[in-house]
Amino acid sequence: MLKKSLIFLFLLSIVATAKAQEVYNYVLNNATHTVQSPTSGFTQTRIAQFKQTALIYLRKKALETMPEVTDQFLNTQAYYMSEFITLFFDEILKSKKQDSEKKKAKIMLFMDASKSNPLFDDTDTETTDSYILEGNQLTPFSLNTDWPRAYAAAKDNI
């Protein structure tokens, strides 16, 4: 019985590890599919465009600036980016009944968490802040974001 339990736990850990190595690709593929799908709604497409752009920027910049880019690094960033965006929209939906100043303060909190936690030393703020500068984006965040740190900052300040 103990032997079967150990084998089961070992197999379960292998499956979990295999899945963990695919987070970046999973998020990127889902975003790409949503962007390309004619049945995707406007809001879904705009959010997916941000995810797609942010993940492509992340990989490109990491390959340019880091000696070794691991799957774990990319997966962790992709996971926390998704969590950050989910938390953002959850908080925005919760604040629907609040006055516009409180809603704006929540949006600014997330924008600040994104902008205040850069991942790379990138001076091209026109590109990295393009989703902020346009002013009409559903995801007004910097592409140059350390997503685990930004998520923690947002979570701590809600």
Protein backbone atom coordinates (compact mmCIF):
# COMPACT_ATOMS: atom_id res chain seq x y z
CA MET A 1 0.00 0.00 0.00
CA LEU A 2 2.80 2.44 0.89
CA LYS A 3 4.60 1.58 -2.34
CA LYS A 4 1.47 2.36 -4.39
CA SER A 5 1.03 5.64 -2.57
CA LEU A 6 4.63 6.65 -3.25
CA ILE A 7 4.31 5.74 -6.92
CA PHE A 8 1.07 7.71 -7.15
CA LEU A 9 2.68 10.78 -5.52
CA PHE A 10 5.68 10.50 -7.84
CA LEU A 11 3.47 10.34 -10.94
CA LEU A 12 1.38 13.21 -9.66
CA SER A 13 4.50 15.35 -9.18
CA ILE A 14 5.66 14.54 -12.73
CA VAL A 15 2.31 15.65 -14.14
CA ALA A 16 2.37 18.83 -12.04
CA THR A 17 5.92 19.60 -13.17
CA ALA A 18 5.03 19.04 -16.82
CA LYS A 19 2.05 21.35 -16.49
CA ALA A 20 4.12 23.98 -14.68
CA GLN A 21 6.55 24.13 -17.57
CA GLU A 22 3.76 25.12 -19.94
CA VAL A 23 2.26 28.16 -18.22
CA TYR A 24 3.91 30.76 -20.46
CA ASN A 25 2.93 28.93 -23.65
CA TYR A 26 -0.58 28.26 -22.36
CA VAL A 27 -1.26 31.91 -21.55
CA LEU A 28 0.32 33.09 -24.81
CA ASN A 29 -1.56 30.55 -26.92
CA ASN A 30 -4.88 31.37 -25.26
CA ALA A 31 -4.31 35.08 -25.78
CA THR A 32 -3.34 34.54 -29.42
CA HIS A 33 -6.39 32.34 -30.00
CA THR A 34 -8.67 34.96 -28.45
CA VAL A 35 -7.17 37.76 -30.55
CA GLN A 36 -7.53 35.75 -33.76
CA SER A 37 -10.99 34.34 -33.06
CA PRO A 38 -13.82 36.15 -34.85
CA THR A 39 -16.19 35.14 -32.04
CA SER A 40 -14.20 36.87 -29.29
CA GLY A 41 -15.83 39.90 -27.79
CA PHE A 42 -14.28 43.36 -27.78
CA THR A 43 -13.28 43.25 -24.11
CA GLN A 44 -11.83 39.74 -24.35
CA THR A 45 -9.80 40.73 -27.40
CA ARG A 46 -8.38 43.88 -25.81
CA ILE A 47 -7.29 42.01 -22.68
CA ALA A 48 -5.81 39.19 -24.78
CA GLN A 49 -3.91 41.72 -26.92
CA PHE A 50 -2.27 43.09 -23.81
CA LYS A 51 -1.35 39.61 -22.56
CA GLN A 52 0.06 38.66 -25.95
CA THR A 53 2.07 41.88 -26.25
CA ALA A 54 3.35 41.68 -22.67
CA LEU A 55 4.46 38.05 -23.00
CA ILE A 56 6.22 38.64 -26.32
CA TYR A 57 7.95 41.71 -24.84
CA LEU A 58 8.92 39.68 -21.76
CA ARG A 59 10.54 36.87 -23.73
CA LYS A 60 12.28 39.22 -26.18
CA LYS A 61 13.68 41.47 -23.46
CA ALA A 62 14.72 38.54 -21.27
CA LEU A 63 16.61 36.92 -24.13
CA GLU A 64 18.37 40.24 -24.87
CA THR A 65 19.36 41.04 -21.30
CA MET A 66 19.65 37.85 -19.28
CA PRO A 67 22.42 35.27 -19.56
CA GLU A 68 19.95 32.41 -19.16
CA VAL A 69 16.19 32.53 -19.49
CA THR A 70 14.58 29.57 -17.79
CA ASP A 71 11.12 28.14 -18.34
CA GLN A 72 10.47 28.69 -14.65
CA PHE A 73 11.18 32.42 -15.00
CA LEU A 74 8.83 32.80 -17.98
CA ASN A 75 6.15 30.63 -16.38
CA THR A 76 6.25 32.56 -13.11
CA GLN A 77 5.98 35.90 -14.90
CA ALA A 78 3.10 34.66 -17.07
CA TYR A 79 1.26 33.21 -14.10
CA TYR A 80 1.49 36.37 -12.01
CA MET A 81 0.58 38.57 -14.98
CA SER A 82 -2.64 36.58 -15.35
CA GLU A 83 -3.27 36.76 -11.61
CA PHE A 84 -2.59 40.51 -11.60
CA ILE A 85 -5.08 41.11 -14.44
CA THR A 86 -7.70 38.89 -12.78
CA LEU A 87 -7.27 40.72 -9.48
CA PHE A 88 -7.53 44.07 -11.29
CA PHE A 89 -10.84 43.21 -12.93
CA ASP A 90 -12.21 41.64 -9.74
CA GLU A 91 -11.44 44.84 -7.86
CA ILE A 92 -12.88 47.05 -10.61
CA LEU A 93 -16.10 45.03 -10.63
CA LYS A 94 -16.31 45.27 -6.83
CA SER A 95 -15.89 49.04 -7.01
CA LYS A 96 -18.71 49.53 -9.56
CA LYS A 97 -21.01 50.84 -6.85
CA GLN A 98 -18.37 53.20 -5.46
CA ASP A 99 -18.02 56.80 -6.55
CA SER A 100 -15.79 57.62 -9.52
CA GLU A 101 -12.94 58.88 -7.33
CA LYS A 102 -12.66 55.56 -5.52
CA LYS A 103 -12.79 53.65 -8.82
CA LYS A 104 -10.10 55.89 -10.24
CA ALA A 105 -7.96 55.36 -7.12
CA LYS A 106 -8.21 51.57 -7.61
CA ILE A 107 -7.15 51.85 -11.23
CA MET A 108 -4.25 54.09 -10.25
CA LEU A 109 -3.20 51.61 -7.56
CA PHE A 110 -2.81 48.88 -10.19
CA MET A 111 -1.15 51.19 -12.69
CA ASP A 112 1.33 52.24 -10.02
CA ALA A 113 1.98 48.63 -8.98
CA SER A 114 2.80 47.80 -12.58
CA LYS A 115 4.93 50.86 -13.30
CA SER A 116 6.75 50.85 -9.95
CA ASN A 117 8.00 47.29 -10.34
CA PRO A 118 10.03 47.17 -13.54
CA LEU A 119 11.70 43.94 -14.55
CA PHE A 120 14.26 45.27 -17.01
CA ASP A 121 16.36 48.40 -17.24
CA ASP A 122 14.50 49.55 -20.35
CA THR A 123 14.67 53.23 -21.27
CA ASP A 124 12.17 52.88 -24.13
CA THR A 125 9.20 54.09 -22.10
CA GLU A 126 7.27 54.97 -25.22
CA THR A 127 7.00 51.24 -25.88
CA THR A 128 6.87 49.92 -22.32
CA ASP A 129 4.22 52.43 -21.23
CA SER A 130 2.19 52.40 -24.45
CA TYR A 131 -0.83 50.82 -22.74
CA ILE A 132 -0.73 53.55 -20.10
CA LEU A 133 -0.05 56.47 -22.44
CA GLU A 134 -2.91 55.70 -24.84
CA GLY A 135 -5.33 56.40 -22.02
CA ASN A 136 -8.19 54.26 -23.32
CA GLN A 137 -6.86 50.79 -22.57
CA LEU A 138 -8.70 48.23 -20.46
CA THR A 139 -5.29 47.08 -19.19
CA PRO A 140 -3.38 50.30 -18.43
CA PHE A 141 -0.17 48.61 -17.34
CA SER A 142 3.49 48.79 -18.23
CA LEU A 143 4.90 46.02 -20.38
CA ASN A 144 8.11 46.29 -18.35
CA THR A 145 6.68 44.80 -15.17
CA ASP A 146 7.98 42.26 -12.71
CA TRP A 147 4.61 40.59 -12.36
CA PRO A 148 5.15 38.72 -9.07
CA ARG A 149 6.29 41.95 -7.38
CA ALA A 150 3.48 43.99 -8.98
CA TYR A 151 0.90 41.42 -7.89
CA ALA A 152 2.21 41.50 -4.31
CA ALA A 153 2.22 45.31 -4.30
CA ALA A 154 -1.35 45.50 -5.56
CA LYS A 155 -2.54 42.84 -3.15
CA ASP A 156 -0.86 44.60 -0.21
CA ASN A 157 -2.45 47.96 -1.07
CA ILE A 158 -6.03 46.91 -1.78
